[in-house]
């Protein structure tokens, strides 16, 4: 996805392309923002959610009932915190969202900020891992 035109010239963003890859077998979506700046800088990317979040090590978990999404920063990227932002809902009620910031760990003129998103079950394993461990049931017809 070509994103360069989303930024004004003052941003000094020469090129910004988002790549999204769905790895169905692993149950994971991989996102990478490849960038080129006119001057060294740090690219920040944000994920927005209403559900509660919890940081565990390098990863962040977005919890919804018995399932959660695991957000894992890629190589050279870090989770840099969460900002809670207030807004008014459709009926004028006060609501809030979490704004998760992921950024490149060091400034540069070019590079990539990547992260992956995977669905987890209540045991902190990916749904793909959970399916692999599930018992196999064989049905045979009675004689």
Protein backbone atom coordinates (compact mmCIF):
# COMPACT_ATOMS: atom_id res chain seq x y z
CA UNK A 1 0.00 0.00 0.00
CA UNK A 2 1.61 3.24 -1.14
CA UNK A 3 1.33 5.76 1.74
CA UNK A 4 3.82 8.47 0.74
CA UNK A 5 1.11 10.82 -0.56
CA UNK A 6 -0.58 10.77 2.88
CA UNK A 7 2.17 13.05 4.23
CA UNK A 8 2.90 16.70 3.42
CA UNK A 9 6.27 17.73 1.95
CA UNK A 10 7.29 19.13 5.37
CA UNK A 11 7.34 15.55 6.72
CA UNK A 12 10.41 14.88 4.53
CA UNK A 13 9.03 11.44 3.69
CA UNK A 14 10.45 10.37 0.33
CA UNK A 15 8.80 6.94 0.26
CA UNK A 16 6.49 4.95 2.56
CA UNK A 17 5.05 1.59 1.57
CA UNK A 18 3.09 -0.78 3.83
CA UNK A 19 3.32 -4.51 3.12
CA UNK A 20 0.74 -6.86 4.64
CA UNK A 21 1.17 -10.63 4.51
CA UNK A 22 -1.24 -13.22 5.86
CA UNK A 23 0.44 -16.46 6.88
CA UNK A 24 -2.62 -18.70 7.15
CA UNK A 25 -0.69 -21.80 8.29
CA UNK A 26 0.88 -19.90 11.21
CA UNK A 27 -2.30 -17.94 11.97
CA UNK A 28 -0.41 -14.66 11.70
CA UNK A 29 -0.62 -11.34 9.86
CA UNK A 30 2.70 -9.62 9.23
CA UNK A 31 2.84 -5.86 8.62
CA UNK A 32 5.93 -3.93 7.52
CA UNK A 33 6.23 -0.21 6.81
CA UNK A 34 9.25 0.38 4.53
CA UNK A 35 10.39 4.01 4.54
CA UNK A 36 12.87 6.49 3.05
CA UNK A 37 13.32 9.95 4.60
CA UNK A 38 15.20 13.00 3.31
CA UNK A 39 16.87 13.26 6.75
CA UNK A 40 17.43 10.66 9.50
CA UNK A 41 14.30 10.10 11.58
CA UNK A 42 12.18 7.53 13.39
CA UNK A 43 9.04 6.09 11.84
CA UNK A 44 6.16 5.51 14.25
CA UNK A 45 3.16 3.32 13.51
CA UNK A 46 0.03 2.98 15.64
CA UNK A 47 -2.62 0.36 16.32
CA UNK A 48 -5.96 1.50 17.72
CA UNK A 49 -8.26 -0.66 19.87
CA UNK A 50 -10.95 -0.31 22.52
CA UNK A 51 -10.25 -3.61 24.30
CA UNK A 52 -7.92 -3.76 27.33
CA UNK A 53 -4.22 -4.31 26.62
CA UNK A 54 -1.38 -5.86 28.58
CA UNK A 55 2.34 -5.76 27.87
CA UNK A 56 4.29 -8.99 28.46
CA UNK A 57 7.95 -8.66 27.60
CA UNK A 58 8.31 -7.28 24.06
CA UNK A 59 4.75 -8.23 23.11
CA UNK A 60 1.38 -6.60 23.72
CA UNK A 61 -1.85 -8.55 24.15
CA UNK A 62 -5.27 -7.14 23.29
CA UNK A 63 -7.73 -9.11 25.40
CA UNK A 64 -11.36 -9.85 24.45
CA UNK A 65 -12.97 -12.60 26.48
CA UNK A 66 -11.10 -15.90 26.27
CA UNK A 67 -9.16 -14.86 23.15
CA UNK A 68 -6.50 -12.26 22.64
CA UNK A 69 -4.47 -10.76 19.84
CA UNK A 70 -0.72 -10.87 20.28
CA UNK A 71 1.16 -7.92 18.78
CA UNK A 72 4.85 -8.75 18.35
CA UNK A 73 7.29 -6.05 17.18
CA UNK A 74 9.65 -7.28 14.47
CA UNK A 75 13.42 -7.10 14.41
CA UNK A 76 14.62 -3.54 15.03
CA UNK A 77 11.18 -2.40 16.23
CA UNK A 78 9.91 -1.81 19.77
CA UNK A 79 6.59 -1.30 21.50
CA UNK A 80 6.95 2.27 22.77
CA UNK A 81 3.85 2.61 24.93
CA UNK A 82 0.14 3.19 24.95
CA UNK A 83 -1.80 6.43 24.93
CA UNK A 84 -5.41 6.39 26.15
CA UNK A 85 -7.44 8.80 24.03
CA UNK A 86 -10.95 9.99 24.93
CA UNK A 87 -13.66 10.49 22.33
CA UNK A 88 -17.44 10.74 22.11
CA UNK A 89 -19.38 7.72 20.87
CA UNK A 90 -22.29 7.75 18.42
CA UNK A 91 -24.73 8.75 21.17
CA UNK A 92 -22.44 11.39 22.66
CA UNK A 93 -21.18 9.16 25.49
CA UNK A 94 -17.58 9.42 26.70
CA UNK A 95 -15.45 6.53 25.43
CA UNK A 96 -11.76 5.79 25.21
CA UNK A 97 -9.39 3.92 22.94
CA UNK A 98 -5.87 2.59 23.30
CA UNK A 99 -3.31 3.93 20.83
CA UNK A 100 -0.39 1.47 20.77
CA UNK A 101 2.86 2.91 19.42
CA UNK A 102 5.41 0.75 17.61
CA UNK A 103 8.56 2.35 16.27
CA UNK A 104 12.00 1.62 14.91
CA UNK A 105 14.48 1.33 17.77
CA UNK A 106 17.04 3.64 16.12
CA UNK A 107 16.81 6.63 13.74
CA UNK A 108 17.71 6.26 10.09
CA UNK A 109 17.14 7.59 6.59
CA UNK A 110 15.62 4.30 5.47
CA UNK A 111 14.48 1.03 6.91
CA UNK A 112 11.42 -0.85 8.04
CA UNK A 113 9.13 -1.01 11.05
CA UNK A 114 7.47 -4.42 11.26
CA UNK A 115 5.14 -6.25 13.60
CA UNK A 116 2.99 -9.36 13.54
CA UNK A 117 -0.52 -9.99 14.81
CA UNK A 118 -1.61 -13.47 15.89
CA UNK A 119 -4.73 -14.81 17.55
CA UNK A 120 -4.06 -16.47 20.91
CA UNK A 121 -6.18 -18.73 23.07
CA UNK A 122 -6.38 -18.51 26.85
CA UNK A 123 -3.16 -20.56 27.23
CA UNK A 124 -0.97 -17.95 25.51
CA UNK A 125 -0.39 -20.08 22.45
CA UNK A 126 -1.33 -19.24 18.91
CA UNK A 127 -4.52 -20.76 17.57
CA UNK A 128 -2.37 -22.59 14.97
CA UNK A 129 -0.33 -24.19 17.79
CA UNK A 130 -3.52 -25.03 19.66
CA UNK A 131 -4.98 -26.80 16.59
CA UNK A 132 -1.75 -28.81 16.15
CA UNK A 133 -1.96 -30.06 19.75
CA UNK A 134 -5.67 -30.91 19.53
CA UNK A 135 -6.45 -34.62 19.64
CA UNK A 136 -7.22 -36.16 16.28
CA UNK A 137 -10.61 -37.88 16.13
CA UNK A 138 -11.16 -40.70 13.72
CA UNK A 139 -14.70 -41.72 12.88
CA UNK A 140 -15.29 -45.18 11.49
CA UNK A 141 -18.50 -46.83 10.48
CA UNK A 142 -19.92 -49.64 12.56
CA UNK A 143 -19.77 -53.09 10.90
